[in-house]
C-alpha atoms as a PDB file:
ATOM      1  CA  MET A   1     -54.255   9.058  31.621  1.00  0.00           C
ATOM      2  CA  LEU A   2     -51.582   6.594  29.630  1.00  0.00           C
ATOM      3  CA  ARG A   3     -53.118   6.892  26.268  1.00  0.00           C
ATOM      4  CA  THR A   4     -52.604  10.650  26.645  1.00  0.00           C
ATOM      5  CA  ALA A   5     -49.120  10.434  27.759  1.00  0.00           C
ATOM      6  CA  LEU A   6     -48.573   7.854  24.920  1.00  0.00           C
ATOM      7  CA  ILE A   7     -50.132  10.666  22.666  1.00  0.00           C
ATOM      8  CA  ALA A   8     -47.888  13.022  24.041  1.00  0.00           C
ATOM      9  CA  ALA A   9     -44.915  11.231  23.437  1.00  0.00           C
ATOM     10  CA  LEU A  10     -45.675  10.435  20.136  1.00  0.00           C
ATOM     11  CA  LEU A  11     -46.372  14.005  19.067  1.00  0.00           C
ATOM     12  CA  THR A  12     -42.901  14.990  21.123  1.00  0.00           C
ATOM     13  CA  ALA A  13     -41.116  12.639  18.792  1.00  0.00           C
ATOM     14  CA  GLY A  14     -42.892  13.352  15.392  1.00  0.00           C
ATOM     15  CA  THR A  15     -41.541  17.053  16.314  1.00  0.00           C
ATOM     16  CA  THR A  16     -38.341  15.895  16.879  1.00  0.00           C
ATOM     17  CA  LEU A  17     -38.167  13.972  13.858  1.00  0.00           C
ATOM     18  CA  ALA A  18     -39.385  16.852  11.909  1.00  0.00           C
ATOM     19  CA  ARG A  19     -36.764  19.076  13.024  1.00  0.00           C
ATOM     20  CA  ALA A  20     -34.021  16.587  11.975  1.00  0.00           C
ATOM     21  CA  GLU A  21     -35.126  16.602   8.332  1.00  0.00           C
ATOM     22  CA  PRO A  22     -32.650  18.765   6.602  1.00  0.00           C
ATOM     23  CA  VAL A  23     -33.708  22.103   4.940  1.00  0.00           C
ATOM     24  CA  GLY A  24     -32.144  22.750   1.604  1.00  0.00           C
ATOM     25  CA  ASP A  25     -30.974  26.392   0.260  1.00  0.00           C
ATOM     26  CA  ARG A  26     -28.777  28.269  -2.249  1.00  0.00           C
ATOM     27  CA  VAL A  27     -26.533  31.014  -1.417  1.00  0.00           C
ATOM     28  CA  GLU A  28     -24.148  32.977  -3.846  1.00  0.00           C
ATOM     29  CA  VAL A  29     -20.637  32.470  -2.830  1.00  0.00           C
ATOM     30  CA  ASN A  30     -17.857  33.870  -5.027  1.00  0.00           C
ATOM     31  CA  GLY A  31     -19.767  33.640  -8.222  1.00  0.00           C
ATOM     32  CA  MET A  32     -21.600  30.397  -7.662  1.00  0.00           C
ATOM     33  CA  GLU A  33     -24.696  29.388  -6.439  1.00  0.00           C
ATOM     34  CA  MET A  34     -23.906  27.051  -3.458  1.00  0.00           C
ATOM     35  CA  TYR A  35     -26.108  24.778  -2.141  1.00  0.00           C
ATOM     36  CA  TYR A  36     -26.602  23.569   1.288  1.00  0.00           C
ATOM     37  CA  GLU A  37     -28.445  21.835   3.800  1.00  0.00           C
ATOM     38  CA  VAL A  38     -29.230  22.545   7.324  1.00  0.00           C
ATOM     39  CA  SER A  39     -30.263  19.619  10.174  1.00  0.00           C
ATOM     40  CA  GLY A  40     -30.392  18.974  13.685  1.00  0.00           C
ATOM     41  CA  GLU A  41     -30.001  21.536  16.782  1.00  0.00           C
ATOM     42  CA  GLY A  42     -26.822  22.579  18.751  1.00  0.00           C
ATOM     43  CA  ALA A  43     -23.743  23.979  18.037  1.00  0.00           C
ATOM     44  CA  PRO A  44     -22.997  24.407  14.331  1.00  0.00           C
ATOM     45  CA  LEU A  45     -20.625  22.000  12.421  1.00  0.00           C
ATOM     46  CA  VAL A  46     -19.713  22.632   8.779  1.00  0.00           C
ATOM     47  CA  VAL A  47     -19.513  19.261   6.885  1.00  0.00           C
ATOM     48  CA  LEU A  48     -17.252  19.122   3.460  1.00  0.00           C
ATOM     49  CA  HIS A  49     -17.598  16.202   1.013  1.00  0.00           C
ATOM     50  CA  GLY A  50     -14.974  14.545  -1.042  1.00  0.00           C
ATOM     51  CA  ALA A  51     -14.279  14.725  -4.748  1.00  0.00           C
ATOM     52  CA  TYR A  52     -16.979  13.635  -6.998  1.00  0.00           C
ATOM     53  CA  MET A  53     -19.356  13.644  -3.887  1.00  0.00           C
ATOM     54  CA  ASN A  54     -22.286  15.227  -2.701  1.00  0.00           C
ATOM     55  CA  ILE A  55     -24.411  15.903   0.352  1.00  0.00           C
ATOM     56  CA  PRO A  56     -26.317  12.233  -0.179  1.00  0.00           C
ATOM     57  CA  SER A  57     -23.197  10.258  -0.627  1.00  0.00           C
ATOM     58  CA  MET A  58     -21.716  11.243   2.598  1.00  0.00           C
ATOM     59  CA  GLY A  59     -24.298   8.801   3.803  1.00  0.00           C
ATOM     60  CA  GLU A  60     -25.456   8.354   7.331  1.00  0.00           C
ATOM     61  CA  ILE A  61     -22.874  10.361   9.322  1.00  0.00           C
ATOM     62  CA  ILE A  62     -24.656  13.509   8.584  1.00  0.00           C
ATOM     63  CA  PRO A  63     -27.856  12.593   9.981  1.00  0.00           C
ATOM     64  CA  ARG A  64     -26.117  10.915  12.773  1.00  0.00           C
ATOM     65  CA  LEU A  65     -23.993  14.004  13.837  1.00  0.00           C
ATOM     66  CA  ALA A  66     -27.193  16.232  13.327  1.00  0.00           C
ATOM     67  CA  GLU A  67     -28.575  14.276  16.547  1.00  0.00           C
ATOM     68  CA  THR A  68     -26.721  16.678  18.820  1.00  0.00           C
ATOM     69  CA  ARG A  69     -25.424  19.214  16.433  1.00  0.00           C
ATOM     70  CA  LYS A  70     -26.560  21.966  14.092  1.00  0.00           C
ATOM     71  CA  VAL A  71     -25.217  20.616  10.681  1.00  0.00           C
ATOM     72  CA  TYR A  72     -24.167  22.790   7.884  1.00  0.00           C
ATOM     73  CA  ALA A  73     -23.633  20.322   4.729  1.00  0.00           C
ATOM     74  CA  LEU A  74     -22.592  22.518   1.552  1.00  0.00           C
ATOM     75  CA  GLU A  75     -21.557  21.284  -1.941  1.00  0.00           C
ATOM     76  CA  PHE A  76     -18.557  22.336  -3.429  1.00  0.00           C
ATOM     77  CA  GLN A  77     -18.004  24.126  -6.699  1.00  0.00           C
ATOM     78  CA  GLY A  78     -19.017  21.963  -9.596  1.00  0.00           C
ATOM     79  CA  HIS A  79     -20.583  19.342  -7.201  1.00  0.00           C
ATOM     80  CA  GLY A  80     -23.996  18.081  -6.462  1.00  0.00           C
ATOM     81  CA  ARG A  81     -26.442  21.082  -7.039  1.00  0.00           C
ATOM     82  CA  THR A  82     -23.900  23.638  -6.700  1.00  0.00           C
ATOM     83  CA  THR A  83     -22.894  25.681  -9.989  1.00  0.00           C
ATOM     84  CA  ASP A  84     -19.567  25.460 -11.540  1.00  0.00           C
ATOM     85  CA  ILE A  85     -17.529  28.558 -12.360  1.00  0.00           C
ATOM     86  CA  ASP A  86     -14.784  29.493 -14.698  1.00  0.00           C
ATOM     87  CA  ARG A  87     -12.078  28.880 -12.209  1.00  0.00           C
ATOM     88  CA  PRO A  88      -9.666  25.883 -11.258  1.00  0.00           C
ATOM     89  CA  ILE A  89     -10.891  24.122  -8.282  1.00  0.00           C
ATOM     90  CA  THR A  90      -7.940  24.214  -5.519  1.00  0.00           C
ATOM     91  CA  TYR A  91      -7.695  23.615  -1.897  1.00  0.00           C
ATOM     92  CA  PRO A  92      -7.064  27.369  -1.310  1.00  0.00           C
ATOM     93  CA  ASN A  93      -9.953  28.067  -3.371  1.00  0.00           C
ATOM     94  CA  LEU A  94     -12.262  25.517  -1.750  1.00  0.00           C
ATOM     95  CA  ALA A  95     -11.227  26.954   1.670  1.00  0.00           C
ATOM     96  CA  ASP A  96     -12.278  30.557   0.795  1.00  0.00           C
ATOM     97  CA  ASP A  97     -15.352  29.362  -0.598  1.00  0.00           C
ATOM     98  CA  VAL A  98     -16.135  27.981   2.978  1.00  0.00           C
ATOM     99  CA  ALA A  99     -15.297  31.198   4.609  1.00  0.00           C
ATOM    100  CA  ALA A 100     -17.467  32.997   2.083  1.00  0.00           C
ATOM    101  CA  PHE A 101     -20.298  30.402   2.786  1.00  0.00           C
ATOM    102  CA  MET A 102     -20.200  30.862   6.519  1.00  0.00           C
ATOM    103  CA  ASP A 103     -20.178  34.754   6.341  1.00  0.00           C
ATOM    104  CA  ALA A 104     -23.381  34.370   3.924  1.00  0.00           C
ATOM    105  CA  VAL A 105     -25.237  31.926   6.113  1.00  0.00           C
ATOM    106  CA  GLY A 106     -24.269  34.575   9.378  1.00  0.00           C
ATOM    107  CA  LEU A 107     -21.640  31.704  11.026  1.00  0.00           C
ATOM    108  CA  GLU A 108     -18.737  33.765  12.561  1.00  0.00           C
ATOM    109  CA  LYS A 109     -17.272  30.483  13.842  1.00  0.00           C
ATOM    110  CA  ALA A 110     -17.781  26.507  13.435  1.00  0.00           C
ATOM    111  CA  ASP A 111     -16.167  23.348  13.933  1.00  0.00           C
ATOM    112  CA  VAL A 112     -15.657  21.495  10.681  1.00  0.00           C
ATOM    113  CA  PHE A 113     -15.688  18.200   9.648  1.00  0.00           C
ATOM    114  CA  GLY A 114     -14.127  17.180   6.238  1.00  0.00           C
ATOM    115  CA  TYR A 115     -13.545  13.924   4.568  1.00  0.00           C
ATOM    116  CA  SER A 116     -10.922  13.271   1.616  1.00  0.00           C
ATOM    117  CA  MET A 117     -10.995  16.555  -0.696  1.00  0.00           C
ATOM    118  CA  GLY A 118     -13.257  18.135   2.211  1.00  0.00           C
ATOM    119  CA  ALA A 119     -10.572  17.545   4.794  1.00  0.00           C
ATOM    120  CA  ALA A 120      -7.989  19.164   2.706  1.00  0.00           C
ATOM    121  CA  ALA A 121     -10.053  22.302   2.430  1.00  0.00           C
ATOM    122  CA  GLY A 122     -10.904  22.256   5.935  1.00  0.00           C
ATOM    123  CA  LEU A 123      -6.957  22.265   6.575  1.00  0.00           C
ATOM    124  CA  GLN A 124      -6.552  25.149   4.278  1.00  0.00           C
ATOM    125  CA  LEU A 125      -9.629  26.866   6.034  1.00  0.00           C
ATOM    126  CA  ALA A 126      -7.798  26.616   9.379  1.00  0.00           C
ATOM    127  CA  ILE A 127      -4.634  27.652   7.780  1.00  0.00           C
ATOM    128  CA  ARG A 128      -6.109  30.620   6.265  1.00  0.00           C
ATOM    129  CA  HIS A 129      -9.288  31.766   8.315  1.00  0.00           C
ATOM    130  CA  PRO A 130      -8.166  30.363  11.623  1.00  0.00           C
ATOM    131  CA  ASP A 131     -10.491  32.605  13.142  1.00  0.00           C
ATOM    132  CA  LYS A 132     -13.530  30.737  11.531  1.00  0.00           C
ATOM    133  CA  VAL A 133     -12.775  27.359  13.002  1.00  0.00           C
ATOM    134  CA  GLU A 134     -13.256  26.035  16.498  1.00  0.00           C
ATOM    135  CA  LYS A 135     -12.227  22.306  15.818  1.00  0.00           C
ATOM    136  CA  LEU A 136     -11.440  20.649  12.636  1.00  0.00           C
ATOM    137  CA  VAL A 137     -11.894  16.734  12.220  1.00  0.00           C
ATOM    138  CA  ALA A 138      -9.627  15.854   9.204  1.00  0.00           C
ATOM    139  CA  ALA A 139     -10.757  12.309   8.001  1.00  0.00           C
ATOM    140  CA  SER A 140      -8.316  10.954   4.855  1.00  0.00           C
ATOM    141  CA  VAL A 141      -6.012  13.686   4.561  1.00  0.00           C
ATOM    142  CA  ALA A 142      -2.676  14.626   3.580  1.00  0.00           C
ATOM    143  CA  TYR A 143      -0.578  18.127   4.244  1.00  0.00           C
ATOM    144  CA  ASP A 144       1.969  17.237   1.652  1.00  0.00           C
ATOM    145  CA  ALA A 145       2.104  15.635  -1.651  1.00  0.00           C
ATOM    146  CA  GLY A 146       4.651  13.047  -0.200  1.00  0.00           C
ATOM    147  CA  GLY A 147       2.152  11.644   2.128  1.00  0.00           C
ATOM    148  CA  TRP A 148      -0.014   9.791  -0.459  1.00  0.00           C
ATOM    149  CA  GLN A 149       0.472   6.206  -0.926  1.00  0.00           C
ATOM    150  CA  PRO A 150       3.040   5.223  -3.960  1.00  0.00           C
ATOM    151  CA  GLU A 151       0.193   3.410  -5.559  1.00  0.00           C
ATOM    152  CA  PHE A 152      -2.058   6.791  -5.845  1.00  0.00           C
ATOM    153  CA  THR A 153       0.725   8.969  -6.584  1.00  0.00           C
ATOM    154  CA  ALA A 154       1.806   6.479  -9.662  1.00  0.00           C
ATOM    155  CA  PHE A 155      -1.957   6.569 -10.686  1.00  0.00           C
ATOM    156  CA  ILE A 156      -2.226  10.408 -10.811  1.00  0.00           C
ATOM    157  CA  PRO A 157      -0.498  10.956 -14.217  1.00  0.00           C
ATOM    158  CA  GLN A 158      -2.818   7.810 -15.699  1.00  0.00           C
ATOM    159  CA  MET A 159      -6.103   9.679 -14.985  1.00  0.00           C
ATOM    160  CA  THR A 160      -8.248  10.828 -17.835  1.00  0.00           C
ATOM    161  CA  VAL A 161     -11.461  12.475 -18.254  1.00  0.00           C
ATOM    162  CA  GLU A 162     -12.796   9.239 -20.159  1.00  0.00           C
ATOM    163  CA  MET A 163     -11.868   6.995 -17.494  1.00  0.00           C
ATOM    164  CA  PHE A 164     -13.948   8.774 -15.037  1.00  0.00           C
ATOM    165  CA  VAL A 165     -16.841   9.292 -17.342  1.00  0.00           C
ATOM    166  CA  GLU A 166     -17.101   5.642 -17.445  1.00  0.00           C
ATOM    167  CA  MET A 167     -17.550   5.218 -13.644  1.00  0.00           C
ATOM    168  CA  PRO A 168     -20.739   4.728 -12.179  1.00  0.00           C
ATOM    169  CA  PHE A 169     -20.868   8.133 -10.432  1.00  0.00           C
ATOM    170  CA  ALA A 170     -20.755  10.000 -13.773  1.00  0.00           C
ATOM    171  CA  GLU A 171     -24.461   8.756 -14.184  1.00  0.00           C
ATOM    172  CA  ASP A 172     -25.315   9.677 -10.448  1.00  0.00           C
ATOM    173  CA  TYR A 173     -23.863  13.069 -11.048  1.00  0.00           C
ATOM    174  CA  LYS A 174     -26.664  13.807 -13.589  1.00  0.00           C
ATOM    175  CA  LYS A 175     -29.148  13.165 -11.091  1.00  0.00           C
ATOM    176  CA  LEU A 176     -28.525  16.352  -9.055  1.00  0.00           C
ATOM    177  CA  ALA A 177     -26.084  18.209 -11.047  1.00  0.00           C
ATOM    178  CA  ALA A 178     -27.191  21.992 -12.002  1.00  0.00           C
ATOM    179  CA  ASP A 179     -25.439  21.115 -15.452  1.00  0.00           C
ATOM    180  CA  PRO A 180     -26.284  17.471 -16.024  1.00  0.00           C
ATOM    181  CA  ASP A 181     -23.721  17.760 -19.087  1.00  0.00           C
ATOM    182  CA  GLY A 182     -20.849  19.532 -16.768  1.00  0.00           C
ATOM    183  CA  PHE A 183     -19.134  16.118 -15.695  1.00  0.00           C
ATOM    184  CA  PRO A 184     -16.243  16.056 -18.058  1.00  0.00           C
ATOM    185  CA  ALA A 185     -15.434  19.709 -17.178  1.00  0.00           C
ATOM    186  CA  LEU A 186     -15.425  18.911 -13.531  1.00  0.00           C
ATOM    187  CA  VAL A 187     -13.510  15.752 -13.862  1.00  0.00           C
ATOM    188  CA  GLU A 188     -10.588  17.856 -15.846  1.00  0.00           C
ATOM    189  CA  LYS A 189     -10.595  20.052 -12.730  1.00  0.00           C
ATOM    190  CA  LEU A 190     -10.344  17.569 -10.341  1.00  0.00           C
ATOM    191  CA  ILE A 191      -7.404  15.950 -12.053  1.00  0.00           C
ATOM    192  CA  GLN A 192      -5.676  19.065 -12.147  1.00  0.00           C
ATOM    193  CA  LEU A 193      -6.357  19.262  -8.423  1.00  0.00           C
ATOM    194  CA  GLU A 194      -4.444  16.304  -7.835  1.00  0.00           C
ATOM    195  CA  LYS A 195      -1.491  17.641  -9.571  1.00  0.00           C
ATOM    196  CA  GLU A 196      -1.568  20.751  -7.379  1.00  0.00           C
ATOM    197  CA  PRO A 197       1.546  21.314  -5.224  1.00  0.00           C
ATOM    198  CA  MET A 198       0.994  20.254  -1.622  1.00  0.00           C
ATOM    199  CA  ALA A 199       3.851  21.440   0.958  1.00  0.00           C
ATOM    200  CA  TRP A 200       1.660  22.581   3.923  1.00  0.00           C
ATOM    201  CA  GLU A 201       3.880  21.596   6.855  1.00  0.00           C
ATOM    202  CA  GLU A 202       5.105  24.804   8.041  1.00  0.00           C
ATOM    203  CA  ASP A 203       1.658  26.352   8.126  1.00  0.00           C
ATOM    204  CA  VAL A 204       0.374  22.895   9.777  1.00  0.00           C
ATOM    205  CA  SER A 205       3.050  23.227  12.686  1.00  0.00           C
ATOM    206  CA  LYS A 206       1.828  26.625  13.357  1.00  0.00           C
ATOM    207  CA  LEU A 207      -2.065  25.874  13.727  1.00  0.00           C
ATOM    208  CA  GLU A 208      -3.573  26.396  17.086  1.00  0.00           C
ATOM    209  CA  THR A 209      -6.750  25.064  16.096  1.00  0.00           C
ATOM    210  CA  PRO A 210      -7.477  21.425  17.522  1.00  0.00           C
ATOM    211  CA  VAL A 211      -7.589  18.721  14.847  1.00  0.00           C
ATOM    212  CA  LEU A 212      -8.792  15.333  14.956  1.00  0.00           C
ATOM    213  CA  ILE A 213      -6.927  13.257  12.218  1.00  0.00           C
ATOM    214  CA  ILE A 214      -8.672  10.186  11.080  1.00  0.00           C
ATOM    215  CA  SER A 215      -7.260   7.635   8.545  1.00  0.00           C
ATOM    216  CA  GLY A 216      -8.159   4.250   7.658  1.00  0.00           C
ATOM    217  CA  ASP A 217      -5.448   1.630   7.847  1.00  0.00           C
ATOM    218  CA  ALA A 218      -5.718   1.024   4.117  1.00  0.00           C
ATOM    219  CA  ASP A 219      -6.394   4.893   3.155  1.00  0.00           C
ATOM    220  CA  VAL A 220      -4.937   6.798   0.509  1.00  0.00           C
ATOM    221  CA  ASN A 221      -2.680   8.451   2.781  1.00  0.00           C
ATOM    222  CA  THR A 222       0.050   6.513   4.265  1.00  0.00           C
ATOM    223  CA  LEU A 223       0.079   5.715   8.031  1.00  0.00           C
ATOM    224  CA  GLU A 224       3.358   7.238   8.638  1.00  0.00           C
ATOM    225  CA  HIS A 225       2.137  10.618   7.077  1.00  0.00           C
ATOM    226  CA  ALA A 226      -0.930  10.568   9.141  1.00  0.00           C
ATOM    227  CA  VAL A 227       1.480  10.160  12.702  1.00  0.00           C
ATOM    228  CA  SER A 228       3.727  12.623  11.199  1.00  0.00           C
ATOM    229  CA  MET A 229       0.880  15.381  10.747  1.00  0.00           C
ATOM    230  CA  PHE A 230      -0.194  14.595  14.446  1.00  0.00           C
ATOM    231  CA  ARG A 231       3.551  15.094  15.739  1.00  0.00           C
ATOM    232  CA  LEU A 232       3.494  18.572  14.032  1.00  0.00           C
ATOM    233  CA  LEU A 233       0.070  19.060  15.828  1.00  0.00           C
ATOM    234  CA  GLY A 234       1.876  18.353  19.205  1.00  0.00           C
ATOM    235  CA  GLY A 235       0.993  14.574  19.497  1.00  0.00           C
ATOM    236  CA  GLY A 236       2.778  11.627  19.834  1.00  0.00           C
ATOM    237  CA  GLY A 237       4.340  12.082  23.367  1.00  0.00           C
ATOM    238  CA  MET A 238       3.464   9.599  26.381  1.00  0.00           C
ATOM    239  CA  GLY A 239       0.706  10.401  28.556  1.00  0.00           C
ATOM    240  CA  ASP A 240       0.734   9.494  32.257  1.00  0.00           C
ATOM    241  CA  MET A 241       3.591  11.583  32.901  1.00  0.00           C
ATOM    242  CA  GLY A 242       1.867  14.939  34.460  1.00  0.00           C
ATOM    243  CA  LYS A 243       1.546  16.743  31.296  1.00  0.00           C
ATOM    244  CA  PRO A 244      -1.585  17.514  29.525  1.00  0.00           C
ATOM    245  CA  LEU A 245      -2.450  15.503  26.625  1.00  0.00           C
ATOM    246  CA  PRO A 246      -2.488  17.663  23.617  1.00  0.00           C
ATOM    247  CA  ARG A 247      -5.766  19.221  21.889  1.00  0.00           C
ATOM    248  CA  SER A 248      -5.182  17.172  18.648  1.00  0.00           C
ATOM    249  CA  ARG A 249      -5.718  13.479  18.419  1.00  0.00           C
ATOM    250  CA  LEU A 250      -5.227  10.788  15.865  1.00  0.00           C
ATOM    251  CA  ALA A 251      -7.261   7.637  15.332  1.00  0.00           C
ATOM    252  CA  VAL A 252      -7.009   5.159  13.009  1.00  0.00           C
ATOM    253  CA  LEU A 253      -9.913   2.728  11.626  1.00  0.00           C
ATOM    254  CA  PRO A 254      -9.163  -0.927  11.226  1.00  0.00           C
ATOM    255  CA  ALA A 255      -9.678  -2.844   7.901  1.00  0.00           C
ATOM    256  CA  THR A 256     -10.829   0.253   6.211  1.00  0.00           C
ATOM    257  CA  SER A 257      -9.659   1.766   2.878  1.00  0.00           C
ATOM    258  CA  HIS A 258     -10.152   5.211   1.866  1.00  0.00           C
ATOM    259  CA  THR A 259     -13.568   4.805   0.114  1.00  0.00           C
ATOM    260  CA  ALA A 260     -14.937   2.731   3.310  1.00  0.00           C
ATOM    261  CA  VAL A 261     -13.819   5.317   5.825  1.00  0.00           C
ATOM    262  CA  ILE A 262     -16.906   7.431   5.372  1.00  0.00           C
ATOM    263  CA  GLY A 263     -19.261   4.366   5.509  1.00  0.00           C
ATOM    264  CA  GLN A 264     -17.882   3.506   9.102  1.00  0.00           C
ATOM    265  CA  VAL A 265     -20.626   5.475  10.805  1.00  0.00           C
ATOM    266  CA  GLU A 266     -20.703   4.531  14.439  1.00  0.00           C
ATOM    267  CA  LEU A 267     -16.763   4.496  14.552  1.00  0.00           C
ATOM    268  CA  LEU A 268     -16.596   7.984  13.053  1.00  0.00           C
ATOM    269  CA  HIS A 269     -19.382   9.367  15.286  1.00  0.00           C
ATOM    270  CA  GLY A 270     -17.822   7.576  18.481  1.00  0.00           C
ATOM    271  CA  LEU A 271     -14.407   9.600  17.584  1.00  0.00           C
ATOM    272  CA  ILE A 272     -16.004  12.856  16.495  1.00  0.00           C
ATOM    273  CA  GLU A 273     -18.536  13.287  19.174  1.00  0.00           C
ATOM    274  CA  PRO A 274     -16.131  13.324  22.185  1.00  0.00           C
ATOM    275  CA  PHE A 275     -13.519  15.204  20.336  1.00  0.00           C
ATOM    276  CA  LEU A 276     -16.016  18.184  19.763  1.00  0.00           C
ATOM    277  CA  LYS A 277     -17.106  18.228  23.396  1.00  0.00           C
ATOM    278  CA  GLY A 278     -13.529  17.927  24.638  1.00  0.00           C
ATOM    279  CA  GLU A 279     -13.718  14.727  26.556  1.00  0.00           C
ATOM    280  CA  THR A 280     -10.843  12.553  27.001  1.00  0.00           C
ATOM    281  CA  PRO A 281     -10.289   9.300  28.592  1.00  0.00           C
ATOM    282  CA  LYS A 282      -9.369   9.188  32.118  1.00  0.00           C
ATOM    283  CA  GLY A 283      -6.235   7.470  33.063  1.00  0.00           C
ATOM    284  CA  VAL A 284      -5.319   5.991  36.454  1.00  0.00           C
ATOM    285  CA  PHE A 285      -3.295   8.986  37.492  1.00  0.00           C
ATOM    286  CA  GLU A 286      -5.983  11.465  36.814  1.00  0.00           C
END
């Protein structure tokens, strides 16, 4: 009897693990062949990676989120296994691509988690296609070019294609890319993206979508900018005064630089999961 129960448990565990394995596919989106992976079961969550990244480089946060959600992780224009097209990479373009992707795979509405470039694309998705976003988690994001750290702003004019071609992830790009020789063209577009005007304050202030802002305390965006964005979304007031807390939230990860944000898997998951579920810590007056 015990052995039968153990075998049944192992078979069940094996089935669960099999379900957790991501399934990759491609779909035509705005003239490109977009690669994406689906993993897990539950309410849909679209995951958007950062610049120069792909699904694998997002690390363990995707399988962690897939424990309770049906995760749709996509790869942006020219990134990973998605083809490039003769079009600039801009945040509005990326947002429209996500909206078209959702239509193509039959997602009417979903929660969205974006990191860095993916967070800005997610923010534009909520601005341009609010009916498609249930809740947005935006990690390492700015809504205005003035929100970047001064060191990063000063570095942007110094960016060159040659500089990035010498970086380790240039070789990693070739392992997955639809065009292994397409990295310099991608870099050129991403350098131009850094120079794209960003002035979305009015649009952000009008958002009705709940947003969880996540920032490292040594991130590429300033802490003051993260707080400013939180205030635009209705946050920053005092609780325990008989009024409900705002639907948007702000979290700051300690001792965390920009590139370290996505590696803080347990911290991220501990922030994202209750936000998506609508759970809040209870105070003594509740």
